[in-house]
């Protein structure tokens, strides 16, 4: 499961980079879609965090 946490963190990092690049490129709709994807990925990371916490108890 720590590998899952690492993967979700990497995905979030990539989405943040994509969001920033899309903003710089002047693509507001694509940047907004990326922000929604980022929110979803952050939710997935919270889910993984809870899964790890539950497995330790």
N, C-alpha and C. Protein backbone atom coordinates (compact mmCIF):
# COMPACT_ATOMS: atom_id res chain seq x y z
N UNK A 1 0.79 -1.22 0.00
CA UNK A 1 0.00 0.00 0.00
C UNK A 1 0.84 1.28 0.00
N UNK A 2 2.00 1.29 0.60
CA UNK A 2 2.83 2.50 0.47
C UNK A 2 3.14 2.83 -0.99
N UNK A 3 3.21 1.80 -1.84
CA UNK A 3 3.42 2.05 -3.27
C UNK A 3 2.24 2.81 -3.85
N UNK A 4 1.02 2.49 -3.38
CA UNK A 4 -0.17 3.21 -3.84
C UNK A 4 -0.10 4.68 -3.44
N UNK A 5 0.37 4.94 -2.25
CA UNK A 5 0.50 6.31 -1.79
C UNK A 5 1.52 7.06 -2.64
N UNK A 6 2.62 6.40 -2.94
CA UNK A 6 3.65 7.02 -3.78
C UNK A 6 3.09 7.33 -5.16
N UNK A 7 2.33 6.41 -5.72
CA UNK A 7 1.75 6.61 -7.06
C UNK A 7 0.75 7.75 -7.07
N UNK A 8 -0.10 7.83 -6.05
CA UNK A 8 -1.07 8.93 -6.03
C UNK A 8 -0.37 10.26 -5.86
N UNK A 9 0.68 10.29 -5.06
CA UNK A 9 1.45 11.53 -4.90
C UNK A 9 2.11 11.95 -6.22
N UNK A 10 2.62 10.98 -6.96
CA UNK A 10 3.23 11.28 -8.26
C UNK A 10 2.18 11.82 -9.23
N UNK A 11 1.01 11.21 -9.23
CA UNK A 11 -0.06 11.67 -10.12
C UNK A 11 -0.45 13.11 -9.79
N UNK A 12 -0.54 13.41 -8.50
CA UNK A 12 -0.89 14.77 -8.07
C UNK A 12 0.19 15.75 -8.52
N UNK A 13 1.45 15.37 -8.37
CA UNK A 13 2.54 16.24 -8.81
C UNK A 13 2.45 16.51 -10.31
N UNK A 14 2.17 15.48 -11.09
CA UNK A 14 2.06 15.64 -12.54
C UNK A 14 0.85 16.52 -12.91
N UNK A 15 -0.25 16.32 -12.22
CA UNK A 15 -1.43 17.14 -12.50
C UNK A 15 -1.18 18.61 -12.16
N UNK A 16 -0.48 18.85 -11.07
CA UNK A 16 -0.15 20.24 -10.73
C UNK A 16 0.74 20.88 -11.79
N UNK A 17 1.71 20.12 -12.28
CA UNK A 17 2.59 20.63 -13.33
C UNK A 17 1.79 20.90 -14.60
N UNK A 18 0.89 19.99 -14.94
CA UNK A 18 0.06 20.17 -16.14
C UNK A 18 -0.83 21.39 -15.99
N UNK A 19 -1.43 21.57 -14.82
CA UNK A 19 -2.27 22.74 -14.57
C UNK A 19 -1.48 24.03 -14.78
N UNK A 20 -0.29 24.08 -14.21
CA UNK A 20 0.54 25.29 -14.34
C UNK A 20 0.92 25.55 -15.79
N UNK A 21 1.29 24.50 -16.51
CA UNK A 21 1.67 24.67 -17.91
C UNK A 21 0.48 25.11 -18.76
N UNK A 22 -0.69 24.56 -18.48
CA UNK A 22 -1.88 24.95 -19.23
C UNK A 22 -2.27 26.40 -18.95
N UNK A 23 -2.11 26.83 -17.72
CA UNK A 23 -2.36 28.24 -17.40
C UNK A 23 -1.40 29.14 -18.17
N UNK A 24 -0.12 28.77 -18.18
CA UNK A 24 0.88 29.56 -18.88
C UNK A 24 0.62 29.59 -20.38
N UNK A 25 0.07 28.51 -20.91
CA UNK A 25 -0.21 28.42 -22.34
C UNK A 25 -1.50 29.15 -22.71
N UNK A 26 -2.22 29.64 -21.72
CA UNK A 26 -3.46 30.36 -21.99
C UNK A 26 -4.62 29.46 -22.36
N UNK A 27 -4.69 28.33 -21.70
CA UNK A 27 -5.77 27.35 -21.95
C UNK A 27 -6.63 27.22 -20.70
N UNK A 28 -7.52 28.18 -20.45
CA UNK A 28 -8.25 28.17 -19.18
C UNK A 28 -9.21 26.99 -19.02
N UNK A 29 -9.84 26.54 -20.09
CA UNK A 29 -10.77 25.42 -19.95
C UNK A 29 -10.03 24.12 -19.64
N UNK A 30 -8.91 23.91 -20.30
CA UNK A 30 -8.12 22.71 -20.01
C UNK A 30 -7.53 22.78 -18.60
N UNK A 31 -7.12 23.98 -18.18
CA UNK A 31 -6.59 24.14 -16.83
C UNK A 31 -7.68 23.85 -15.80
N UNK A 32 -8.90 24.30 -16.08
CA UNK A 32 -10.02 24.04 -15.16
C UNK A 32 -10.32 22.55 -15.08
N UNK A 33 -10.27 21.86 -16.21
CA UNK A 33 -10.49 20.42 -16.20
C UNK A 33 -9.40 19.71 -15.41
N UNK A 34 -8.19 20.20 -15.54
CA UNK A 34 -7.07 19.62 -14.80
C UNK A 34 -7.24 19.86 -13.31
N UNK A 35 -7.77 21.01 -12.94
CA UNK A 35 -8.02 21.29 -11.52
C UNK A 35 -9.07 20.34 -10.96
N UNK A 36 -10.09 20.01 -11.74
CA UNK A 36 -11.09 19.03 -11.28
C UNK A 36 -10.45 17.65 -11.12
N UNK A 37 -9.59 17.29 -12.06
CA UNK A 37 -8.88 16.01 -11.95
C UNK A 37 -7.97 16.00 -10.74
N UNK A 38 -7.36 17.13 -10.45
CA UNK A 38 -6.49 17.25 -9.28
C UNK A 38 -7.29 17.06 -7.99
N UNK A 39 -8.47 17.64 -7.93
CA UNK A 39 -9.31 17.46 -6.74
C UNK A 39 -9.69 15.99 -6.57
N UNK A 40 -9.98 15.32 -7.66
CA UNK A 40 -10.31 13.90 -7.60
C UNK A 40 -9.11 13.07 -7.15
N UNK A 41 -7.94 13.39 -7.66
CA UNK A 41 -6.72 12.66 -7.27
C UNK A 41 -6.40 12.88 -5.80
N UNK A 42 -6.65 14.08 -5.31
CA UNK A 42 -6.41 14.34 -3.89
C UNK A 42 -7.38 13.54 -3.03
N UNK A 43 -8.61 13.37 -3.50
CA UNK A 43 -9.56 12.51 -2.81
C UNK A 43 -9.09 11.06 -2.81
N UNK A 44 -8.53 10.62 -3.92
CA UNK A 44 -8.00 9.26 -4.00
C UNK A 44 -6.85 9.07 -3.02
N UNK A 45 -6.01 10.11 -2.89
CA UNK A 45 -4.90 10.02 -1.93
C UNK A 45 -5.44 9.91 -0.51
N UNK A 46 -6.48 10.68 -0.19
CA UNK A 46 -7.07 10.57 1.16
C UNK A 46 -7.62 9.16 1.38
N UNK A 47 -8.22 8.58 0.35
CA UNK A 47 -8.74 7.22 0.45
C UNK A 47 -7.60 6.23 0.74
N UNK A 48 -6.50 6.38 0.03
CA UNK A 48 -5.34 5.51 0.26
C UNK A 48 -4.80 5.71 1.67
N UNK A 49 -4.74 6.97 2.13
CA UNK A 49 -4.27 7.24 3.50
C UNK A 49 -5.14 6.51 4.52
N UNK A 50 -6.46 6.57 4.33
CA UNK A 50 -7.37 5.90 5.26
C UNK A 50 -7.19 4.38 5.19
N UNK A 51 -7.00 3.87 3.98
CA UNK A 51 -6.79 2.43 3.83
C UNK A 51 -5.54 1.98 4.56
N UNK A 52 -4.47 2.76 4.45
CA UNK A 52 -3.22 2.42 5.14
C UNK A 52 -3.42 2.47 6.65
N UNK A 53 -4.11 3.53 7.11
CA UNK A 53 -4.36 3.67 8.54
C UNK A 53 -5.18 2.50 9.08
N UNK A 54 -6.22 2.11 8.35
CA UNK A 54 -7.07 1.00 8.80
C UNK A 54 -6.31 -0.31 8.82
N UNK A 55 -5.38 -0.51 7.90
CA UNK A 55 -4.66 -1.79 7.85
C UNK A 55 -3.63 -1.91 8.98
N UNK A 56 -3.25 -0.79 9.57
CA UNK A 56 -2.26 -0.82 10.66
C UNK A 56 -2.89 -1.13 12.01
N UNK A 57 -4.19 -0.99 12.12
CA UNK A 57 -4.83 -1.24 13.43
C UNK A 57 -5.32 -2.65 13.57
